[in-house]
C-alpha atoms as a PDB file:
ATOM      1  CA  MET A   1      28.660   0.621   1.527  1.00  0.00           C
ATOM      2  CA  THR A   2      25.892   0.706   4.069  1.00  0.00           C
ATOM      3  CA  THR A   3      23.082   3.540   3.323  1.00  0.00           C
ATOM      4  CA  ILE A   4      21.708   4.709   6.343  1.00  0.00           C
ATOM      5  CA  PRO A   5      18.008   5.337   5.618  1.00  0.00           C
ATOM      6  CA  THR A   6      15.805   8.547   7.644  1.00  0.00           C
ATOM      7  CA  VAL A   7      13.090   7.705   9.444  1.00  0.00           C
ATOM      8  CA  PRO A   8      10.279   8.232   6.720  1.00  0.00           C
ATOM      9  CA  GLU A   9      13.465   6.472   4.206  1.00  0.00           C
ATOM     10  CA  ARG A  10      12.831   3.187   6.311  1.00  0.00           C
ATOM     11  CA  ALA A  11       8.880   3.513   6.476  1.00  0.00           C
ATOM     12  CA  ALA A  12       9.152   3.530   3.104  1.00  0.00           C
ATOM     13  CA  ALA A  13      11.363   0.480   2.835  1.00  0.00           C
ATOM     14  CA  GLN A  14       9.096  -1.393   5.172  1.00  0.00           C
ATOM     15  CA  ALA A  15       5.470  -0.605   2.942  1.00  0.00           C
ATOM     16  CA  TYR A  16       7.495  -1.813  -0.190  1.00  0.00           C
ATOM     17  CA  LEU A  17       8.564  -4.794   1.520  1.00  0.00           C
ATOM     18  CA  ARG A  18       4.980  -5.595   2.605  1.00  0.00           C
ATOM     19  CA  LEU A  19       3.739  -4.837  -0.669  1.00  0.00           C
ATOM     20  CA  VAL A  20       6.207  -7.328  -2.121  1.00  0.00           C
ATOM     21  CA  GLU A  21       5.459  -9.833   0.236  1.00  0.00           C
ATOM     22  CA  THR A  22       1.978  -9.766   0.028  1.00  0.00           C
ATOM     23  CA  ALA A  23       1.310  -9.449  -3.542  1.00  0.00           C
ATOM     24  CA  ARG A  24       3.456 -12.998  -3.908  1.00  0.00           C
ATOM     25  CA  ALA A  25       1.463 -14.559  -1.052  1.00  0.00           C
ATOM     26  CA  VAL A  26      -1.972 -13.243  -3.119  1.00  0.00           C
ATOM     27  CA  LEU A  27      -0.715 -14.403  -6.366  1.00  0.00           C
ATOM     28  CA  ALA A  28       1.141 -17.657  -5.029  1.00  0.00           C
ATOM     29  CA  ASP A  29      -2.691 -18.683  -3.763  1.00  0.00           C
ATOM     30  CA  PRO A  30      -4.910 -19.719  -6.529  1.00  0.00           C
ATOM     31  CA  GLY A  31      -7.831 -18.785  -4.902  1.00  0.00           C
ATOM     32  CA  LEU A  32      -6.768 -15.255  -3.908  1.00  0.00           C
ATOM     33  CA  ALA A  33      -5.290 -14.256  -7.380  1.00  0.00           C
ATOM     34  CA  PRO A  34      -7.938 -13.549  -9.680  1.00  0.00           C
ATOM     35  CA  LEU A  35      -9.040 -10.474  -6.581  1.00  0.00           C
ATOM     36  CA  ALA A  36      -5.378  -9.757  -6.628  1.00  0.00           C
ATOM     37  CA  ALA A  37      -6.755  -5.817  -6.709  1.00  0.00           C
ATOM     38  CA  VAL A  38      -8.476  -6.041  -4.145  1.00  0.00           C
ATOM     39  CA  HIS A  39      -6.215  -7.450  -1.920  1.00  0.00           C
ATOM     40  CA  LEU A  40      -3.252  -5.569  -3.110  1.00  0.00           C
ATOM     41  CA  ALA A  41      -5.049  -2.024  -3.253  1.00  0.00           C
ATOM     42  CA  SER A  42      -4.343  -1.402   0.546  1.00  0.00           C
ATOM     43  CA  PRO A  43      -0.981  -2.160   0.374  1.00  0.00           C
ATOM     44  CA  MET A  44      -0.044  -0.203  -2.812  1.00  0.00           C
ATOM     45  CA  ALA A  45      -1.710   2.979  -1.661  1.00  0.00           C
ATOM     46  CA  GLU A  46       0.352   2.423   1.900  1.00  0.00           C
ATOM     47  CA  ALA A  47       3.615   2.425  -0.499  1.00  0.00           C
ATOM     48  CA  ASP A  48       2.739   5.132  -2.529  1.00  0.00           C
ATOM     49  CA  GLU A  49       2.322   7.099   0.637  1.00  0.00           C
ATOM     50  CA  ALA A  50       4.927   6.318   2.404  1.00  0.00           C
ATOM     51  CA  LEU A  51       7.676   6.526  -0.972  1.00  0.00           C
ATOM     52  CA  ARG A  52       6.406   9.934  -1.495  1.00  0.00           C
ATOM     53  CA  ARG A  53       6.153  11.259   2.599  1.00  0.00           C
ATOM     54  CA  ALA A  54       9.881  10.227   2.120  1.00  0.00           C
ATOM     55  CA  GLY A  55      10.261  11.993  -0.994  1.00  0.00           C
ATOM     56  CA  LEU A  56      11.466   8.468  -2.890  1.00  0.00           C
ATOM     57  CA  SER A  57       8.329   9.008  -5.372  1.00  0.00           C
ATOM     58  CA  GLY A  58      10.643   7.765  -9.008  1.00  0.00           C
ATOM     59  CA  THR A  59      13.950   7.126  -7.048  1.00  0.00           C
ATOM     60  CA  GLU A  60      13.318   3.362  -7.556  1.00  0.00           C
ATOM     61  CA  ALA A  61      17.220   2.437  -7.718  1.00  0.00           C
ATOM     62  CA  ARG A  62      17.327   4.246  -4.014  1.00  0.00           C
ATOM     63  CA  LEU A  63      14.065   3.166  -2.359  1.00  0.00           C
ATOM     64  CA  LEU A  64      15.699  -0.486  -3.972  1.00  0.00           C
ATOM     65  CA  ARG A  65      19.262  -0.217  -1.854  1.00  0.00           C
ATOM     66  CA  LEU A  66      17.106   0.591   1.162  1.00  0.00           C
ATOM     67  CA  ALA A  67      14.732  -2.362   1.248  1.00  0.00           C
ATOM     68  CA  ALA A  68      17.965  -4.690   0.532  1.00  0.00           C
ATOM     69  CA  GLY A  69      19.123  -3.195   3.587  1.00  0.00           C
ATOM     70  CA  LEU A  70      16.545  -3.747   5.559  1.00  0.00           C
ATOM     71  CA  ARG A  71      16.796  -7.337   4.524  1.00  0.00           C
ATOM     72  CA  GLU A  72      20.315  -7.792   5.072  1.00  0.00           C
ATOM     73  CA  ASP A  73      20.263  -6.145   8.668  1.00  0.00           C
ATOM     74  CA  PRO A  74      18.783  -8.148  11.366  1.00  0.00           C
ATOM     75  CA  ALA A  75      16.023  -6.185  12.718  1.00  0.00           C
ATOM     76  CA  PRO A  76      16.668  -3.988  15.891  1.00  0.00           C
ATOM     77  CA  GLY A  77      17.412  -6.003  18.998  1.00  0.00           C
ATOM     78  CA  ALA A  78      17.602  -8.977  17.371  1.00  0.00           C
ATOM     79  CA  PRO A  79      20.158 -11.820  18.334  1.00  0.00           C
END
């Protein structure tokens, strides 16, 4: 069953994925890892705000389904 997100839900899922990807990159780099809090502050704030706007704060299961759907679906206009 495909979940069709609203525009704010999609933005929140995208912000969450950016946060996860940034965290992976920062934590994988020994030079950046000690400064993880500095590098992750902005993506965390963006994700928190997007979650709040979408009404997804505290609804992790829905957020994770939306994020998984973004990973499965090709980008709009992609072949």
